[in-house]
Each structure stands twice: as structure tokens, then as C-alpha cells.
Amino acid sequence: MMKISENIVNKNHTIASASKKMVEHLLSMEENEKKFFVLKKTYYLENFLSAQNEFEKNLKDILDIEAMSAKNSQTWNQLYDQYRSKALLPNDLSRIEQSNDLWISESDINSWLETISSARLENEIEMEQANTELNRRGILTVQTGLGGLGISIFVGVFGGMIMATLIATIFVPLFFSWFVSKQPPKTQQNTMKQPALSFKPVKKIQD
């Protein structure tokens, strides 16, 4: 049970939180990319690169967690490979500022969003299964505990009765003999005989 709880906290919740941030960063990348091509301000390029770095950071965090897990999802590895083939590098800044094409196409971003949504759904199903298993084991533990409690009570009462019977059979006669032996001997007292009462018949007076 502890392993299941630890897995839910350390893996599933972390993936759920990181993947949510990844969606936000992807949408920010798309927004700042379009604004840069319209307004041609470096500010939006910096925001795009910042969102891209955060996206990559969260994706690597998920990959590290998946690497330590027994159940490893290949969805995140495929997403990382696709991202690395499209990601902007610092050496590309001078070139992309003069380009009129999107750095990361809208179709790529939409594809990544679908992949993240699919992976998030897979993670939620895994969390639900883990919670169901945790609940099942909890119920089983309670039932086992109640059964053990009943057995303990029975053994305690039955064992107490047997011990009381054995102790009484052995020690009661011993204590009785010891108690009688400690009593002082009784002295014989002379009893005075009292004369018996004699009754004389009463003569009936005749008229």
C-alpha cells in the first residue's frame, strides 16, 4: 500500500502538474511567435524562448520520472524526439529574426497538444487504477484486522478460562492446607451441665 501511495504522489501527480504546465507553455509559444511576426518586437521572441525553455524543462522532468518507473510510457519519449527536431537553438536567433516563416508550425504545436492530452489521459487512468487498488487493499486490511481481533478476543477469553481452571485446581488446595495449618489448635472447654427442668402434673380440682 505504501508503494502504491508513493507512486501516486511522486509519479502521477508530478506528471499531471508538469504536463499541464507544458500545455500552457506551448500556447504561450504559439501566441508570442505570431505576435513577433506581426509586430517585429524582440520582446515577443524572448517570451517565446522563455516558454520554450520551460516546456523543455517540464518535459525532461517527466522523462526522468518515467525512467525511474517500472511502467515506462513511450509517448513522452516520442514527444521529446519531435520537439528536439523543431526546437530553436541560440544560434538560430539571427536567422529566424529575418525569416517570415513560423519557427514551429501551428500543425506541430497542435500535434504536440494532442500527444500531451493523450499522455495526460493515460496518466489519469493509471492514477484511477492505483486508487482503486489502494481502496481494495484498504478494505481487505480492515476485514483482516476485524477477523484477527475476533480471534484474539476468543483466544484471550478461552485461554483465561483454561488458566483459571488449572490454577484453581492446583493452588486452591495448597493455599487451603497452608491456611489450616497456620490456625492455632482449639482448647476443650468444660461445659456445665444444667439440671433438667421437671414438670409436675397439675392435679385437677374436682367440684
N, C-alpha and C. Protein backbone atom coordinates (compact mmCIF):
# COMPACT_ATOMS: atom_id res chain seq x y z
N MET A 1 0.82 -1.21 0.00
CA MET A 1 0.00 0.00 0.00
C MET A 1 0.86 1.26 0.00
N MET A 2 1.96 1.22 0.76
CA MET A 2 2.85 2.37 0.81
C MET A 2 3.48 2.63 -0.55
N LYS A 3 3.81 1.56 -1.26
CA LYS A 3 4.42 1.71 -2.58
C LYS A 3 3.44 2.33 -3.57
N ILE A 4 2.18 1.92 -3.49
CA ILE A 4 1.17 2.48 -4.39
C ILE A 4 0.96 3.95 -4.10
N SER A 5 0.85 4.30 -2.81
CA SER A 5 0.66 5.71 -2.43
C SER A 5 1.85 6.56 -2.86
N GLU A 6 3.06 6.03 -2.66
CA GLU A 6 4.26 6.77 -3.05
C GLU A 6 4.31 6.97 -4.56
N ASN A 7 3.88 5.95 -5.31
CA ASN A 7 3.89 6.05 -6.77
C ASN A 7 2.89 7.10 -7.25
N ILE A 8 1.73 7.18 -6.60
CA ILE A 8 0.73 8.16 -6.98
C ILE A 8 1.24 9.57 -6.73
N VAL A 9 1.86 9.77 -5.56
CA VAL A 9 2.33 11.11 -5.19
C VAL A 9 3.52 11.52 -6.03
N ASN A 10 4.53 10.65 -6.10
CA ASN A 10 5.79 11.02 -6.74
C ASN A 10 5.71 11.02 -8.27
N LYS A 11 4.95 10.11 -8.84
CA LYS A 11 4.92 9.99 -10.30
C LYS A 11 3.70 10.65 -10.91
N ASN A 12 2.52 10.12 -10.59
CA ASN A 12 1.31 10.55 -11.28
C ASN A 12 0.98 12.02 -11.05
N HIS A 13 1.07 12.48 -9.82
CA HIS A 13 0.76 13.88 -9.56
C HIS A 13 1.79 14.81 -10.21
N THR A 14 3.05 14.40 -10.21
CA THR A 14 4.09 15.21 -10.85
C THR A 14 3.87 15.30 -12.35
N ILE A 15 3.53 14.17 -12.96
CA ILE A 15 3.26 14.16 -14.41
C ILE A 15 2.05 15.02 -14.73
N ALA A 16 1.00 14.91 -13.92
CA ALA A 16 -0.21 15.70 -14.16
C ALA A 16 0.10 17.20 -14.07
N SER A 17 0.89 17.59 -13.07
CA SER A 17 1.22 19.01 -12.91
C SER A 17 2.14 19.51 -14.02
N ALA A 18 3.18 18.72 -14.34
CA ALA A 18 4.15 19.14 -15.36
C ALA A 18 3.51 19.19 -16.75
N SER A 19 2.65 18.22 -17.07
CA SER A 19 2.01 18.21 -18.39
C SER A 19 1.04 19.39 -18.54
N LYS A 20 0.40 19.78 -17.45
CA LYS A 20 -0.48 20.95 -17.51
C LYS A 20 0.32 22.22 -17.82
N LYS A 21 1.48 22.33 -17.20
CA LYS A 21 2.35 23.48 -17.48
C LYS A 21 2.86 23.44 -18.93
N MET A 22 3.12 22.25 -19.43
CA MET A 22 3.60 22.13 -20.81
C MET A 22 2.56 22.66 -21.80
N VAL A 23 1.30 22.36 -21.54
CA VAL A 23 0.24 22.88 -22.42
C VAL A 23 0.22 24.40 -22.38
N GLU A 24 0.35 24.97 -21.18
CA GLU A 24 0.35 26.42 -21.04
C GLU A 24 1.54 27.04 -21.79
N HIS A 25 2.71 26.41 -21.69
CA HIS A 25 3.90 26.94 -22.36
C HIS A 25 3.80 26.80 -23.88
N LEU A 26 3.19 25.74 -24.35
CA LEU A 26 3.00 25.59 -25.79
C LEU A 26 2.09 26.69 -26.34
N LEU A 27 1.02 26.96 -25.64
CA LEU A 27 0.11 28.02 -26.07
C LEU A 27 0.79 29.39 -26.01
N SER A 28 1.65 29.57 -25.01
CA SER A 28 2.40 30.83 -24.93
C SER A 28 3.39 30.95 -26.08
N MET A 29 4.05 29.84 -26.44
CA MET A 29 4.97 29.85 -27.57
C MET A 29 4.24 30.24 -28.85
N GLU A 30 3.08 29.65 -29.07
CA GLU A 30 2.31 29.94 -30.28
C GLU A 30 1.88 31.41 -30.32
N GLU A 31 1.44 31.93 -29.19
CA GLU A 31 0.97 33.31 -29.13
C GLU A 31 2.10 34.31 -29.38
N ASN A 32 3.23 34.10 -28.71
CA ASN A 32 4.35 35.03 -28.87
C ASN A 32 4.99 34.93 -30.25
N GLU A 33 4.98 33.76 -30.83
CA GLU A 33 5.52 33.59 -32.17
C GLU A 33 4.71 34.42 -33.19
N LYS A 34 3.38 34.35 -33.10
CA LYS A 34 2.53 35.09 -34.02
C LYS A 34 2.65 36.61 -33.79
N LYS A 35 2.75 37.00 -32.54
CA LYS A 35 2.88 38.42 -32.24
C LYS A 35 4.20 38.98 -32.76
N PHE A 36 5.24 38.17 -32.70
CA PHE A 36 6.54 38.64 -33.18
C PHE A 36 6.50 38.89 -34.70
N PHE A 37 5.87 38.01 -35.43
CA PHE A 37 5.82 38.18 -36.89
C PHE A 37 4.95 39.37 -37.29
N VAL A 38 4.01 39.74 -36.43
CA VAL A 38 3.15 40.88 -36.76
C VAL A 38 3.82 42.19 -36.33
N LEU A 39 4.36 42.23 -35.10
CA LEU A 39 4.89 43.48 -34.54
C LEU A 39 6.40 43.61 -34.66
N LYS A 40 7.09 42.52 -34.92
CA LYS A 40 8.55 42.52 -35.08
C LYS A 40 9.26 43.12 -33.86
N LYS A 41 8.80 42.74 -32.65
CA LYS A 41 9.44 43.21 -31.43
C LYS A 41 10.18 42.05 -30.76
N THR A 42 11.41 42.36 -30.34
CA THR A 42 12.25 41.32 -29.74
C THR A 42 11.64 40.77 -28.45
N TYR A 43 10.83 41.58 -27.81
CA TYR A 43 10.20 41.19 -26.55
C TYR A 43 9.44 39.87 -26.70
N TYR A 44 8.72 39.72 -27.81
CA TYR A 44 7.94 38.50 -28.04
C TYR A 44 8.83 37.31 -28.35
N LEU A 45 9.96 37.57 -28.97
CA LEU A 45 10.92 36.50 -29.22
C LEU A 45 11.49 35.97 -27.91
N GLU A 46 11.79 36.90 -26.99
CA GLU A 46 12.32 36.49 -25.68
C GLU A 46 11.28 35.69 -24.91
N ASN A 47 10.03 36.13 -25.00
CA ASN A 47 8.96 35.37 -24.33
C ASN A 47 8.80 33.98 -24.93
N PHE A 48 8.95 33.90 -26.25
CA PHE A 48 8.85 32.60 -26.92
C PHE A 48 9.95 31.66 -26.43
N LEU A 49 11.18 32.17 -26.37
CA LEU A 49 12.30 31.33 -25.94
C LEU A 49 12.17 30.94 -24.47
N SER A 50 11.65 31.85 -23.64
CA SER A 50 11.44 31.53 -22.23
C SER A 50 10.40 30.42 -22.08
N ALA A 51 9.31 30.52 -22.83
CA ALA A 51 8.28 29.48 -22.77
C ALA A 51 8.81 28.15 -23.31
N GLN A 52 9.65 28.23 -24.33
CA GLN A 52 10.25 27.01 -24.89
C GLN A 52 11.15 26.33 -23.87
N ASN A 53 11.95 27.11 -23.14
CA ASN A 53 12.83 26.54 -22.12
C ASN A 53 12.03 25.88 -21.00
N GLU A 54 10.94 26.52 -20.58
CA GLU A 54 10.11 25.95 -19.53
C GLU A 54 9.42 24.68 -20.02
N PHE A 55 9.00 24.69 -21.27
CA PHE A 55 8.39 23.50 -21.86
C PHE A 55 9.37 22.33 -21.84
N GLU A 56 10.60 22.60 -22.26
CA GLU A 56 11.63 21.56 -22.30
C GLU A 56 11.96 21.08 -20.89
N LYS A 57 12.02 21.98 -19.94
CA LYS A 57 12.34 21.61 -18.56
C LYS A 57 11.28 20.66 -17.98
N ASN A 58 10.01 21.00 -18.18
CA ASN A 58 8.95 20.13 -17.67
C ASN A 58 8.93 18.78 -18.38
N LEU A 59 9.23 18.78 -19.67
CA LEU A 59 9.27 17.53 -20.42
C LEU A 59 10.40 16.63 -19.91
N LYS A 60 11.56 17.22 -19.60
CA LYS A 60 12.67 16.43 -19.07
C LYS A 60 12.36 15.90 -17.67
N ASP A 61 11.63 16.69 -16.87
CA ASP A 61 11.23 16.21 -15.54
C ASP A 61 10.35 14.96 -15.66
N ILE A 62 9.44 14.98 -16.61
CA ILE A 62 8.57 13.81 -16.82
C ILE A 62 9.39 12.61 -17.29
N LEU A 63 10.34 12.85 -18.19
CA LEU A 63 11.18 11.75 -18.69
C LEU A 63 12.01 11.14 -17.56
N ASP A 64 12.50 11.98 -16.64
CA ASP A 64 13.29 11.47 -15.51
C ASP A 64 12.42 10.60 -14.60
N ILE A 65 11.19 11.02 -14.37
CA ILE A 65 10.28 10.23 -13.53
C ILE A 65 9.92 8.92 -14.21
N GLU A 66 9.66 8.99 -15.51
CA GLU A 66 9.33 7.77 -16.25
C GLU A 66 10.50 6.79 -16.27
N ALA A 67 11.72 7.32 -16.30
CA ALA A 67 12.90 6.45 -16.33
C ALA A 67 13.03 5.65 -15.03
N MET A 68 12.59 6.22 -13.91
CA MET A 68 12.67 5.54 -12.61
C MET A 68 11.47 4.64 -12.35
N SER A 69 10.47 4.72 -13.20
CA SER A 69 9.26 3.94 -13.00
C SER A 69 9.36 2.60 -13.71
N ALA A 70 8.70 1.60 -13.12
CA ALA A 70 8.69 0.28 -13.75
C ALA A 70 7.85 0.28 -15.02
N LYS A 71 6.77 1.08 -15.00
CA LYS A 71 5.90 1.20 -16.17
C LYS A 71 6.26 2.46 -16.91
N ASN A 72 6.99 2.31 -18.01
CA ASN A 72 7.51 3.46 -18.75
C ASN A 72 6.66 3.70 -20.01
N SER A 73 6.16 4.92 -20.14
CA SER A 73 5.36 5.28 -21.31
C SER A 73 6.25 5.82 -22.42
N GLN A 74 6.08 5.31 -23.63
CA GLN A 74 6.89 5.75 -24.77
C GLN A 74 6.37 7.04 -25.39
N THR A 75 5.20 7.48 -24.96
CA THR A 75 4.61 8.69 -25.54
C THR A 75 5.49 9.90 -25.30
N TRP A 76 6.01 10.02 -24.08
CA TRP A 76 6.84 11.19 -23.75
C TRP A 76 8.17 11.16 -24.50
N ASN A 77 8.73 9.98 -24.70
CA ASN A 77 9.98 9.89 -25.47
C ASN A 77 9.76 10.31 -26.92
N GLN A 78 8.66 9.90 -27.50
CA GLN A 78 8.35 10.29 -28.87
C GLN A 78 8.12 11.80 -28.98
N LEU A 79 7.45 12.36 -27.99
CA LEU A 79 7.22 13.80 -27.97
C LEU A 79 8.54 14.57 -27.86
N TYR A 80 9.45 14.05 -27.05
CA TYR A 80 10.75 14.73 -26.88
C TYR A 80 11.54 14.70 -28.18
N ASP A 81 11.51 13.58 -28.87
CA ASP A 81 12.23 13.49 -30.15
C ASP A 81 11.65 14.47 -31.17
N GLN A 82 10.33 14.56 -31.21
CA GLN A 82 9.70 15.51 -32.14
C GLN A 82 10.04 16.95 -31.77
N TYR A 83 10.06 17.22 -30.49
CA TYR A 83 10.35 18.58 -30.03
C TYR A 83 11.79 18.96 -30.38
N ARG A 84 12.74 18.08 -30.14
CA ARG A 84 14.15 18.40 -30.38
C ARG A 84 14.41 18.67 -31.87
N SER A 85 13.63 18.06 -32.73
CA SER A 85 13.83 18.29 -34.16
C SER A 85 13.31 19.65 -34.61
N LYS A 86 12.45 20.29 -33.78
CA LYS A 86 11.84 21.57 -34.15
C LYS A 86 12.30 22.72 -33.26
N ALA A 87 12.88 22.42 -32.11
CA ALA A 87 13.21 23.46 -31.14
C ALA A 87 14.23 24.44 -31.69
N LEU A 88 14.09 25.70 -31.28
CA LEU A 88 15.04 26.75 -31.68
C LEU A 88 16.25 26.72 -30.77
N LEU A 89 17.42 26.91 -31.38
CA LEU A 89 18.67 26.99 -30.63
C LEU A 89 19.16 28.43 -30.62
N PRO A 90 20.00 28.79 -29.64
CA PRO A 90 20.51 30.17 -29.59
C PRO A 90 21.20 30.61 -30.88
N ASN A 91 21.82 29.66 -31.59
CA ASN A 91 22.50 30.02 -32.83
C ASN A 91 21.53 30.41 -33.95
N ASP A 92 20.25 30.08 -33.77
CA ASP A 92 19.25 30.35 -34.82
C ASP A 92 18.62 31.73 -34.70
N LEU A 93 18.96 32.49 -33.64
CA LEU A 93 18.27 33.76 -33.40
C LEU A 93 18.46 34.75 -34.54
N SER A 94 19.69 34.89 -35.03
CA SER A 94 19.93 35.86 -36.10
C SER A 94 19.21 35.48 -37.39
N ARG A 95 19.06 34.19 -37.62
CA ARG A 95 18.40 33.73 -38.85
C ARG A 95 16.88 33.88 -38.76
N ILE A 96 16.30 33.50 -37.61
CA ILE A 96 14.85 33.50 -37.52
C ILE A 96 14.27 34.90 -37.45
N GLU A 97 15.09 35.88 -37.02
CA GLU A 97 14.58 37.25 -36.98
C GLU A 97 14.30 37.79 -38.39
N GLN A 98 15.04 37.26 -39.37
CA GLN A 98 14.85 37.70 -40.75
C GLN A 98 13.89 36.82 -41.52
N SER A 99 13.45 35.74 -40.88
CA SER A 99 12.59 34.80 -41.59
C SER A 99 11.13 35.22 -41.47
N ASN A 100 10.37 34.88 -42.49
CA ASN A 100 8.94 35.17 -42.48
C ASN A 100 8.10 33.91 -42.23
N ASP A 101 8.79 32.81 -41.98
CA ASP A 101 8.11 31.54 -41.71
C ASP A 101 8.04 31.31 -40.19
N LEU A 102 7.01 30.61 -39.79
CA LEU A 102 6.88 30.26 -38.37
C LEU A 102 8.00 29.31 -37.96
N TRP A 103 8.54 29.56 -36.77
CA TRP A 103 9.63 28.71 -36.28
C TRP A 103 9.12 27.30 -36.01
N ILE A 104 8.00 27.23 -35.33
CA ILE A 104 7.33 25.95 -35.10
C ILE A 104 5.93 26.09 -35.68
N SER A 105 5.61 25.26 -36.62
CA SER A 105 4.33 25.41 -37.32
C SER A 105 3.15 25.15 -36.38
N GLU A 106 2.02 25.70 -36.77
CA GLU A 106 0.81 25.52 -35.95
C GLU A 106 0.38 24.06 -35.92
N SER A 107 0.61 23.36 -37.01
CA SER A 107 0.25 21.92 -37.04
C SER A 107 1.10 21.12 -36.07
N ASP A 108 2.39 21.49 -35.95
CA ASP A 108 3.27 20.80 -34.99
C ASP A 108 2.81 21.04 -33.55
N ILE A 109 2.48 22.29 -33.27
CA ILE A 109 2.01 22.62 -31.91
C ILE A 109 0.72 21.88 -31.60
N ASN A 110 -0.21 21.85 -32.55
CA ASN A 110 -1.46 21.13 -32.34
C ASN A 110 -1.22 19.63 -32.16
N SER A 111 -0.26 19.09 -32.90
CA SER A 111 0.07 17.68 -32.76
C SER A 111 0.65 17.39 -31.38
N TRP A 112 1.50 18.28 -30.90
CA TRP A 112 2.07 18.11 -29.56
C TRP A 112 1.00 18.23 -28.48
N LEU A 113 0.07 19.14 -28.67
CA LEU A 113 -1.01 19.28 -27.70
C LEU A 113 -1.86 18.01 -27.63
N GLU A 114 -2.12 17.40 -28.79
CA GLU A 114 -2.87 16.15 -28.81
C GLU A 114 -2.09 15.03 -28.12
N THR A 115 -0.78 15.01 -28.35
CA THR A 115 0.06 13.99 -27.72
C THR A 115 0.06 14.15 -26.20
N ILE A 116 0.18 15.39 -25.74
CA ILE A 116 0.18 15.66 -24.30
C ILE A 116 -1.18 15.28 -23.70
N SER A 117 -2.25 15.63 -24.39
CA SER A 117 -3.59 15.29 -23.89
C SER A 117 -3.76 13.77 -23.79
N SER A 118 -3.26 13.05 -24.77
CA SER A 118 -3.34 11.59 -24.75
C SER A 118 -2.53 11.02 -23.58
N ALA A 119 -1.33 11.57 -23.38
CA ALA A 119 -0.49 11.09 -22.28
C ALA A 119 -1.10 11.44 -20.92
N ARG A 120 -1.72 12.62 -20.83
CA ARG A 120 -2.38 13.01 -19.58
C ARG A 120 -3.55 12.06 -19.27
N LEU A 121 -4.30 11.69 -20.31
CA LEU A 121 -5.40 10.75 -20.11
C LEU A 121 -4.89 9.40 -19.65
N GLU A 122 -3.80 8.96 -20.23
CA GLU A 122 -3.19 7.70 -19.82
C GLU A 122 -2.73 7.76 -18.37
N ASN A 123 -2.18 8.90 -17.97
CA ASN A 123 -1.73 9.07 -16.59
C ASN A 123 -2.91 9.08 -15.62
N GLU A 124 -4.02 9.73 -16.02
CA GLU A 124 -5.21 9.77 -15.17
C GLU A 124 -5.82 8.38 -14.99
N ILE A 125 -5.80 7.57 -16.05
CA ILE A 125 -6.32 6.20 -15.95
C ILE A 125 -5.44 5.39 -14.99
N GLU A 126 -4.14 5.59 -15.09
CA GLU A 126 -3.22 4.88 -14.20
C GLU A 126 -3.44 5.30 -12.74
N MET A 127 -3.70 6.59 -12.52
CA MET A 127 -3.99 7.08 -11.17
C MET A 127 -5.28 6.47 -10.63
N GLU A 128 -6.30 6.40 -11.48
CA GLU A 128 -7.58 5.84 -11.07
C GLU A 128 -7.44 4.36 -10.71
N GLN A 129 -6.68 3.61 -11.52
CA GLN A 129 -6.45 2.20 -11.24
C GLN A 129 -5.68 2.02 -9.93
N ALA A 130 -4.69 2.90 -9.70
CA ALA A 130 -3.92 2.81 -8.47
C ALA A 130 -4.78 3.13 -7.25
N ASN A 131 -5.65 4.13 -7.37
CA ASN A 131 -6.54 4.46 -6.26
C ASN A 131 -7.54 3.34 -5.98
N THR A 132 -8.03 2.70 -7.05
CA THR A 132 -8.95 1.57 -6.88
C THR A 132 -8.26 0.41 -6.17
N GLU A 133 -7.03 0.12 -6.57
CA GLU A 133 -6.26 -0.95 -5.92
C GLU A 133 -5.96 -0.60 -4.47
N LEU A 134 -5.65 0.68 -4.22
CA LEU A 134 -5.37 1.12 -2.85
C LEU A 134 -6.62 0.97 -1.98
N ASN A 135 -7.77 1.32 -2.53
CA ASN A 135 -9.02 1.18 -1.79
C ASN A 135 -9.35 -0.29 -1.52
N ARG A 136 -9.10 -1.13 -2.52
CA ARG A 136 -9.37 -2.57 -2.34
C ARG A 136 -8.50 -3.16 -1.24
N ARG A 137 -7.23 -2.79 -1.25
CA ARG A 137 -6.33 -3.31 -0.21
C ARG A 137 -6.68 -2.75 1.16
N GLY A 138 -7.16 -1.51 1.19
CA GLY A 138 -7.57 -0.93 2.47
C GLY A 138 -8.74 -1.69 3.06
N ILE A 139 -9.74 -2.00 2.23
CA ILE A 139 -10.90 -2.77 2.70
C ILE A 139 -10.48 -4.15 3.17
N LEU A 140 -9.57 -4.79 2.41
CA LEU A 140 -9.09 -6.12 2.79
C LEU A 140 -8.34 -6.07 4.11
N THR A 141 -7.58 -5.00 4.32
CA THR A 141 -6.84 -4.85 5.58
C THR A 141 -7.79 -4.71 6.76
N VAL A 142 -8.86 -3.92 6.57
CA VAL A 142 -9.84 -3.74 7.65
C VAL A 142 -10.52 -5.07 7.97
N GLN A 143 -10.91 -5.83 6.93
CA GLN A 143 -11.57 -7.11 7.16
C GLN A 143 -10.63 -8.08 7.87
N THR A 144 -9.38 -8.11 7.44
CA THR A 144 -8.39 -8.98 8.09
C THR A 144 -8.17 -8.57 9.53
N GLY A 145 -8.14 -7.25 9.78
CA GLY A 145 -7.95 -6.75 11.14
C GLY A 145 -9.10 -7.13 12.05
N LEU A 146 -10.34 -7.03 11.54
CA LEU A 146 -11.50 -7.40 12.35
C LEU A 146 -11.50 -8.90 12.65
N GLY A 147 -11.13 -9.71 11.65
CA GLY A 147 -11.04 -11.15 11.89
C GLY A 147 -9.98 -11.48 12.92
N GLY A 148 -8.83 -10.82 12.81
CA GLY A 148 -7.77 -11.04 13.79
C GLY A 148 -8.17 -10.60 15.18
N LEU A 149 -8.94 -9.49 15.26
CA LEU A 149 -9.41 -9.02 16.56
C LEU A 149 -10.35 -10.03 17.20
N GLY A 150 -11.27 -10.60 16.40
CA GLY A 150 -12.18 -11.60 16.93
C GLY A 150 -11.45 -12.83 17.43
N ILE A 151 -10.45 -13.28 16.66
CA ILE A 151 -9.66 -14.45 17.07
C ILE A 151 -8.90 -14.16 18.35
N SER A 152 -8.35 -12.94 18.45
CA SER A 152 -7.59 -12.57 19.65
C SER A 152 -8.47 -12.57 20.89
N ILE A 153 -9.69 -12.01 20.73
CA ILE A 153 -10.62 -11.99 21.86
C ILE A 153 -10.98 -13.41 22.28
N PHE A 154 -11.29 -14.28 21.31
CA PHE A 154 -11.66 -15.66 21.61
C PHE A 154 -10.52 -16.39 22.32
N VAL A 155 -9.31 -16.25 21.78
CA VAL A 155 -8.15 -16.93 22.37
C VAL A 155 -7.90 -16.41 23.78
N GLY A 156 -8.05 -15.07 23.96
CA GLY A 156 -7.83 -14.50 25.28
C GLY A 156 -8.82 -15.00 26.31
N VAL A 157 -10.11 -15.01 25.94
CA VAL A 157 -11.15 -15.47 26.88
C VAL A 157 -11.01 -16.96 27.15
N PHE A 158 -10.88 -17.76 26.09
CA PHE A 158 -10.77 -19.20 26.25
C PHE A 158 -9.51 -19.58 27.02
N GLY A 159 -8.41 -18.94 26.67
CA GLY A 159 -7.16 -19.22 27.38
C GLY A 159 -7.23 -18.81 28.84
N GLY A 160 -7.91 -17.68 29.11
CA GLY A 160 -8.07 -17.26 30.50
C GLY A 160 -8.88 -18.25 31.31
N MET A 161 -9.93 -18.81 30.70
CA MET A 161 -10.74 -19.81 31.40
C MET A 161 -9.92 -21.05 31.72
N ILE A 162 -9.13 -21.50 30.76
CA ILE A 162 -8.31 -22.70 30.99
C ILE A 162 -7.28 -22.44 32.08
N MET A 163 -6.61 -21.28 32.02
CA MET A 163 -5.60 -20.97 33.02
C MET A 163 -6.21 -20.84 34.41
N ALA A 164 -7.41 -20.20 34.47
CA ALA A 164 -8.07 -20.06 35.77
C ALA A 164 -8.42 -21.43 36.35
N THR A 165 -8.90 -22.35 35.49
CA THR A 165 -9.24 -23.69 35.97
C THR A 165 -8.02 -24.43 36.47
N LEU A 166 -6.93 -24.39 35.72
CA LEU A 166 -5.70 -25.08 36.13
C LEU A 166 -5.13 -24.50 37.41
N ILE A 167 -5.10 -23.18 37.48
CA ILE A 167 -4.53 -22.54 38.69
C ILE A 167 -5.38 -22.86 39.90
N ALA A 168 -6.73 -22.80 39.74
CA ALA A 168 -7.61 -23.10 40.86
C ALA A 168 -7.44 -24.55 41.32
N THR A 169 -7.32 -25.47 40.36
CA THR A 169 -7.19 -26.89 40.71
C THR A 169 -5.91 -27.17 41.49
N ILE A 170 -4.85 -26.49 41.17
CA ILE A 170 -3.56 -26.76 41.79
C ILE A 170 -3.36 -25.95 43.07
N PHE A 171 -3.63 -24.66 43.01
CA PHE A 171 -3.22 -23.78 44.10
C PHE A 171 -4.27 -23.63 45.20
N VAL A 172 -5.57 -23.79 44.88
CA VAL A 172 -6.59 -23.64 45.93
C VAL A 172 -6.40 -24.68 47.05
N PRO A 173 -6.22 -25.98 46.73
CA PRO A 173 -5.96 -26.93 47.84
C PRO A 173 -4.69 -26.61 48.62
N LEU A 174 -3.64 -26.18 47.89
CA LEU A 174 -2.40 -25.85 48.59
C LEU A 174 -2.58 -24.68 49.55
N PHE A 175 -3.24 -23.65 49.10
CA PHE A 175 -3.46 -22.49 49.97
C PHE A 175 -4.39 -22.85 51.14
N PHE A 176 -5.38 -23.71 50.86
CA PHE A 176 -6.29 -24.11 51.94
C PHE A 176 -5.53 -24.89 53.01
N SER A 177 -4.67 -25.83 52.60
CA SER A 177 -3.88 -26.62 53.56
C SER A 177 -2.95 -25.72 54.35
N TRP A 178 -2.34 -24.79 53.66
CA TRP A 178 -1.41 -23.88 54.36
C TRP A 178 -2.16 -23.00 55.34
N PHE A 179 -3.35 -22.54 54.95
CA PHE A 179 -4.13 -21.67 55.84
C PHE A 179 -4.59 -22.43 57.07
N VAL A 180 -5.03 -23.70 56.91
CA VAL A 180 -5.50 -24.51 58.04
C VAL A 180 -4.34 -24.82 58.98
N SER A 181 -3.15 -25.08 58.41
CA SER A 181 -2.00 -25.40 59.26
C SER A 181 -1.55 -24.23 60.11
N LYS A 182 -1.87 -23.03 59.69
CA LYS A 182 -1.47 -21.84 60.43
C LYS A 182 -2.45 -21.49 61.55
N GLN A 183 -3.64 -22.13 61.61
CA GLN A 183 -4.62 -21.86 62.65
C GLN A 183 -4.18 -22.51 63.96
N PRO A 184 -4.34 -21.81 65.15
CA PRO A 184 -3.98 -22.43 66.46
C PRO A 184 -4.96 -23.54 66.81
N PRO A 185 -4.50 -24.60 67.58
CA PRO A 185 -5.40 -25.71 67.95
C PRO A 185 -6.50 -25.23 68.90
N LYS A 186 -7.68 -25.76 68.80
CA LYS A 186 -8.79 -25.38 69.65
C LYS A 186 -8.69 -26.08 71.01
N THR A 187 -8.90 -25.32 72.13
CA THR A 187 -8.88 -25.89 73.50
C THR A 187 -10.27 -26.37 73.87
N GLN A 188 -10.27 -27.54 74.66
CA GLN A 188 -11.54 -28.09 75.08
C GLN A 188 -12.05 -27.36 76.30
N GLN A 189 -13.21 -26.90 76.31
CA GLN A 189 -13.82 -26.18 77.42
C GLN A 189 -14.83 -27.10 78.12
N ASN A 190 -14.76 -27.06 79.48
CA ASN A 190 -15.70 -27.85 80.27
C ASN A 190 -17.08 -27.22 80.21
N THR A 191 -17.97 -27.99 79.82
CA THR A 191 -19.35 -27.50 79.73
C THR A 191 -20.09 -27.87 81.00
N MET A 192 -20.73 -26.93 81.58
CA MET A 192 -21.51 -27.16 82.81
C MET A 192 -22.88 -27.71 82.45
N LYS A 193 -23.20 -28.81 83.20
CA LYS A 193 -24.47 -29.44 82.95
C LYS A 193 -25.54 -28.72 83.74
N GLN A 194 -26.52 -28.33 83.11
CA GLN A 194 -27.64 -27.69 83.77
C GLN A 194 -28.71 -28.74 84.09
N PRO A 195 -29.28 -28.63 85.30
CA PRO A 195 -30.32 -29.61 85.64
C PRO A 195 -31.50 -29.51 84.71
N ALA A 196 -32.01 -30.67 84.46
CA ALA A 196 -33.16 -30.69 83.56
C ALA A 196 -34.39 -30.20 84.30
N LEU A 197 -35.20 -29.51 83.65
CA LEU A 197 -36.42 -28.99 84.22
C LEU A 197 -37.44 -30.12 84.36
N SER A 198 -38.03 -30.22 85.58
CA SER A 198 -39.04 -31.26 85.81
C SER A 198 -40.40 -30.60 85.94
N PHE A 199 -41.30 -31.18 85.34
CA PHE A 199 -42.65 -30.65 85.38
C PHE A 199 -43.55 -31.64 86.16
N LYS A 200 -44.23 -31.13 87.20
CA LYS A 200 -45.16 -31.96 87.96
C LYS A 200 -46.55 -31.81 87.37
N PRO A 201 -47.23 -32.91 87.33
CA PRO A 201 -48.58 -32.83 86.77
C PRO A 201 -49.50 -32.03 87.71
N VAL A 202 -50.29 -31.25 87.19
CA VAL A 202 -51.20 -30.43 87.98
C VAL A 202 -52.49 -31.24 88.24
N LYS A 203 -52.79 -31.31 89.52
CA LYS A 203 -54.00 -32.07 89.88
C LYS A 203 -55.20 -31.25 89.58
N LYS A 204 -56.14 -31.90 89.04
CA LYS A 204 -57.40 -31.26 88.67
C LYS A 204 -58.32 -31.20 89.89
N ILE A 205 -58.80 -30.05 90.19
CA ILE A 205 -59.67 -29.88 91.34
C ILE A 205 -61.07 -30.22 90.96
N GLN A 206 -61.59 -31.15 91.73
CA GLN A 206 -62.94 -31.57 91.44
C GLN A 206 -63.91 -30.73 92.26
N ASP A 207 -65.00 -30.38 91.69
CA ASP A 207 -66.04 -29.65 92.41
C ASP A 207 -66.76 -30.58 93.37
